[in-house]
Amino acid sequence: MSYNLRILTPEGPIFDGTVDSVQATGYKGSFGVLTGHAPMITALRVGPGKVVTSTGTQWYVFGEGTLEVRAPDVVMLVDYAEKTPTYEAAKEMVAKDLAKDKA
């Protein structure tokens, strides 16, 4: 089963399509949203995330923002979303982003 996911940034839409799941980083850790998830709104922090579709998995680094689950859609409003080839690459990019913020 699947649902519609929209990932929006100040620069415009990054993703708008049907997904099997999405994973993001919240302030209490990483979490995932599957079809039929209870309605919720949560804050996101900079971290790796993934979008799983019927054609495969795409890794991202998501900036701070919010995620709202409301049937039949899930909407992410984030500062930025950058594609990465792997989870490891996403973690490296997060570490660089956080180091920049501390400098």
Foldseek 3Di string as FASTA:
>chain_A
DWAWEWEAAPVGTDDTDIFQKKWAAAPVGIDMDGAPDDWDKGWGAFAKMWTHHPVGIWIKTFHTFMWTDDPRYIYTYTNDIGTDPDRVRRHVVSVVVVVVVVD
